[in-house]
Amino acid sequence: MNTIKKYKLLLVFILLFTSKAHALSPEFEKQLFVGCYSNSKTYIGPEKATIYCTCTVDKLSEKFLDEKIDKIFKMKPE
Protein backbone atom coordinates (compact mmCIF):
# COMPACT_ATOMS: atom_id res chain seq x y z
CA MET A 1 0.00 0.00 0.00
CA ASN A 2 1.47 3.34 -0.94
CA THR A 3 1.98 6.23 1.45
CA ILE A 4 -0.94 8.34 0.21
CA LYS A 5 -3.42 5.51 0.77
CA LYS A 6 -2.04 4.96 4.27
CA TYR A 7 -2.56 8.62 5.14
CA LYS A 8 -6.06 8.59 3.66
CA LEU A 9 -6.96 5.57 5.78
CA LEU A 10 -5.44 7.20 8.84
CA LEU A 11 -7.40 10.40 8.20
CA VAL A 12 -10.68 8.50 7.82
CA PHE A 13 -9.96 6.57 11.01
CA ILE A 14 -9.22 9.77 12.93
CA LEU A 15 -12.34 11.51 11.66
CA LEU A 16 -14.59 8.56 12.45
CA PHE A 17 -13.27 7.69 15.87
CA THR A 18 -12.29 11.00 17.38
CA SER A 19 -15.73 12.54 17.37
CA LYS A 20 -16.97 13.85 20.69
CA ALA A 21 -17.39 10.83 22.94
CA HIS A 22 -18.70 13.22 25.54
CA ALA A 23 -20.72 16.24 24.72
CA LEU A 24 -23.03 18.66 26.41
CA SER A 25 -26.36 19.40 24.78
CA PRO A 26 -26.61 22.72 22.91
CA GLU A 27 -29.11 23.99 25.50
CA PHE A 28 -26.75 23.15 28.36
CA GLU A 29 -23.82 24.76 26.54
CA LYS A 30 -25.87 27.92 26.08
CA GLN A 31 -26.76 28.02 29.79
CA LEU A 32 -23.12 27.57 30.77
CA PHE A 33 -22.01 30.28 28.35
CA VAL A 34 -24.61 32.80 29.55
CA GLY A 35 -23.69 32.18 33.20
CA CYS A 36 -19.98 32.41 32.48
CA TYR A 37 -20.30 35.49 30.29
CA SER A 38 -22.49 37.48 32.68
CA ASN A 39 -19.96 36.96 35.47
CA SER A 40 -16.77 37.31 33.42
CA LYS A 41 -17.54 40.44 31.38
CA THR A 42 -17.44 42.54 34.55
CA TYR A 43 -13.86 41.50 35.26
CA ILE A 44 -12.24 41.00 31.85
CA GLY A 45 -14.52 42.91 29.47
CA PRO A 46 -17.03 41.65 26.91
CA GLU A 47 -14.56 40.70 24.17
CA LYS A 48 -12.27 38.64 26.39
CA ALA A 49 -15.26 37.17 28.23
CA THR A 50 -16.63 35.84 24.94
CA ILE A 51 -13.31 34.18 24.11
CA TYR A 52 -12.83 32.82 27.64
CA CYS A 53 -16.37 31.47 28.00
CA THR A 54 -16.42 29.90 24.54
CA CYS A 55 -13.18 28.08 25.32
CA THR A 56 -14.41 27.01 28.76
CA VAL A 57 -17.69 25.63 27.42
CA ASP A 58 -15.87 23.81 24.59
CA LYS A 59 -13.45 22.17 27.02
CA LEU A 60 -16.25 21.15 29.40
CA SER A 61 -18.23 19.73 26.49
CA GLU A 62 -15.25 17.66 25.37
CA LYS A 63 -14.99 16.09 28.79
CA PHE A 64 -18.48 15.78 30.26
CA LEU A 65 -22.09 14.85 29.57
CA ASP A 66 -24.99 16.96 30.89
CA GLU A 67 -25.67 14.61 33.81
CA LYS A 68 -22.06 14.58 34.98
CA ILE A 69 -21.62 18.36 34.84
CA ASP A 70 -24.97 18.79 36.61
CA LYS A 71 -23.75 16.50 39.39
CA ILE A 72 -20.49 18.44 39.70
CA PHE A 73 -22.27 21.81 39.97
CA LYS A 74 -24.61 20.44 42.64
CA MET A 75 -21.71 19.34 44.86
CA LYS A 76 -20.95 21.41 47.92
CA PRO A 77 -17.41 22.79 48.21
CA GLU A 78 -15.19 20.95 50.66
C-alpha atoms as a PDB file:
ATOM      1  CA  MET A   1       0.000   0.000   0.000  1.00  0.00           C
ATOM      2  CA  ASN A   2       1.465   3.343  -0.943  1.00  0.00           C
ATOM      3  CA  THR A   3       1.975   6.228   1.451  1.00  0.00           C
ATOM      4  CA  ILE A   4      -0.942   8.340   0.215  1.00  0.00           C
ATOM      5  CA  LYS A   5      -3.417   5.509   0.769  1.00  0.00           C
ATOM      6  CA  LYS A   6      -2.037   4.957   4.269  1.00  0.00           C
ATOM      7  CA  TYR A   7      -2.556   8.621   5.137  1.00  0.00           C
ATOM      8  CA  LYS A   8      -6.060   8.588   3.657  1.00  0.00           C
ATOM      9  CA  LEU A   9      -6.965   5.568   5.780  1.00  0.00           C
ATOM     10  CA  LEU A  10      -5.440   7.203   8.843  1.00  0.00           C
ATOM     11  CA  LEU A  11      -7.402  10.399   8.200  1.00  0.00           C
ATOM     12  CA  VAL A  12     -10.676   8.495   7.817  1.00  0.00           C
ATOM     13  CA  PHE A  13      -9.960   6.565  11.006  1.00  0.00           C
ATOM     14  CA  ILE A  14      -9.220   9.770  12.930  1.00  0.00           C
ATOM     15  CA  LEU A  15     -12.342  11.507  11.661  1.00  0.00           C
ATOM     16  CA  LEU A  16     -14.588   8.557  12.449  1.00  0.00           C
ATOM     17  CA  PHE A  17     -13.275   7.686  15.869  1.00  0.00           C
ATOM     18  CA  THR A  18     -12.289  11.003  17.378  1.00  0.00           C
ATOM     19  CA  SER A  19     -15.729  12.540  17.375  1.00  0.00           C
ATOM     20  CA  LYS A  20     -16.972  13.848  20.693  1.00  0.00           C
ATOM     21  CA  ALA A  21     -17.392  10.834  22.937  1.00  0.00           C
ATOM     22  CA  HIS A  22     -18.702  13.216  25.543  1.00  0.00           C
ATOM     23  CA  ALA A  23     -20.723  16.243  24.719  1.00  0.00           C
ATOM     24  CA  LEU A  24     -23.032  18.662  26.412  1.00  0.00           C
ATOM     25  CA  SER A  25     -26.359  19.395  24.784  1.00  0.00           C
ATOM     26  CA  PRO A  26     -26.613  22.719  22.914  1.00  0.00           C
ATOM     27  CA  GLU A  27     -29.108  23.988  25.498  1.00  0.00           C
ATOM     28  CA  PHE A  28     -26.748  23.151  28.365  1.00  0.00           C
ATOM     29  CA  GLU A  29     -23.820  24.758  26.536  1.00  0.00           C
ATOM     30  CA  LYS A  30     -25.869  27.924  26.076  1.00  0.00           C
ATOM     31  CA  GLN A  31     -26.763  28.023  29.792  1.00  0.00           C
ATOM     32  CA  LEU A  32     -23.119  27.572  30.768  1.00  0.00           C
ATOM     33  CA  PHE A  33     -22.009  30.282  28.352  1.00  0.00           C
ATOM     34  CA  VAL A  34     -24.614  32.799  29.548  1.00  0.00           C
ATOM     35  CA  GLY A  35     -23.690  32.175  33.195  1.00  0.00           C
ATOM     36  CA  CYS A  36     -19.980  32.411  32.479  1.00  0.00           C
ATOM     37  CA  TYR A  37     -20.303  35.493  30.290  1.00  0.00           C
ATOM     38  CA  SER A  38     -22.495  37.476  32.677  1.00  0.00           C
ATOM     39  CA  ASN A  39     -19.961  36.960  35.469  1.00  0.00           C
ATOM     40  CA  SER A  40     -16.771  37.312  33.418  1.00  0.00           C
ATOM     41  CA  LYS A  41     -17.537  40.436  31.379  1.00  0.00           C
ATOM     42  CA  THR A  42     -17.436  42.545  34.546  1.00  0.00           C
ATOM     43  CA  TYR A  43     -13.857  41.499  35.260  1.00  0.00           C
ATOM     44  CA  ILE A  44     -12.244  41.000  31.851  1.00  0.00           C
ATOM     45  CA  GLY A  45     -14.522  42.914  29.467  1.00  0.00           C
ATOM     46  CA  PRO A  46     -17.028  41.651  26.914  1.00  0.00           C
ATOM     47  CA  GLU A  47     -14.563  40.704  24.169  1.00  0.00           C
ATOM     48  CA  LYS A  48     -12.266  38.639  26.385  1.00  0.00           C
ATOM     49  CA  ALA A  49     -15.258  37.175  28.233  1.00  0.00           C
ATOM     50  CA  THR A  50     -16.633  35.841  24.942  1.00  0.00           C
ATOM     51  CA  ILE A  51     -13.314  34.184  24.112  1.00  0.00           C
ATOM     52  CA  TYR A  52     -12.831  32.824  27.640  1.00  0.00           C
ATOM     53  CA  CYS A  53     -16.369  31.469  28.001  1.00  0.00           C
ATOM     54  CA  THR A  54     -16.416  29.902  24.536  1.00  0.00           C
ATOM     55  CA  CYS A  55     -13.178  28.083  25.318  1.00  0.00           C
ATOM     56  CA  THR A  56     -14.406  27.014  28.762  1.00  0.00           C
ATOM     57  CA  VAL A  57     -17.686  25.632  27.422  1.00  0.00           C
ATOM     58  CA  ASP A  58     -15.866  23.813  24.589  1.00  0.00           C
ATOM     59  CA  LYS A  59     -13.452  22.171  27.023  1.00  0.00           C
ATOM     60  CA  LEU A  60     -16.245  21.147  29.402  1.00  0.00           C
ATOM     61  CA  SER A  61     -18.231  19.732  26.491  1.00  0.00           C
ATOM     62  CA  GLU A  62     -15.253  17.658  25.370  1.00  0.00           C
ATOM     63  CA  LYS A  63     -14.990  16.094  28.794  1.00  0.00           C
ATOM     64  CA  PHE A  64     -18.483  15.780  30.264  1.00  0.00           C
ATOM     65  CA  LEU A  65     -22.091  14.849  29.569  1.00  0.00           C
ATOM     66  CA  ASP A  66     -24.986  16.961  30.891  1.00  0.00           C
ATOM     67  CA  GLU A  67     -25.669  14.614  33.807  1.00  0.00           C
ATOM     68  CA  LYS A  68     -22.060  14.578  34.983  1.00  0.00           C
ATOM     69  CA  ILE A  69     -21.615  18.360  34.843  1.00  0.00           C
ATOM     70  CA  ASP A  70     -24.968  18.786  36.612  1.00  0.00           C
ATOM     71  CA  LYS A  71     -23.754  16.498  39.394  1.00  0.00           C
ATOM     72  CA  ILE A  72     -20.491  18.442  39.702  1.00  0.00           C
ATOM     73  CA  PHE A  73     -22.268  21.807  39.966  1.00  0.00           C
ATOM     74  CA  LYS A  74     -24.609  20.438  42.638  1.00  0.00           C
ATOM     75  CA  MET A  75     -21.714  19.342  44.857  1.00  0.00           C
ATOM     76  CA  LYS A  76     -20.946  21.406  47.923  1.00  0.00           C
ATOM     77  CA  PRO A  77     -17.413  22.786  48.213  1.00  0.00           C
ATOM     78  CA  GLU A  78     -15.194  20.946  50.656  1.00  0.00           C
END
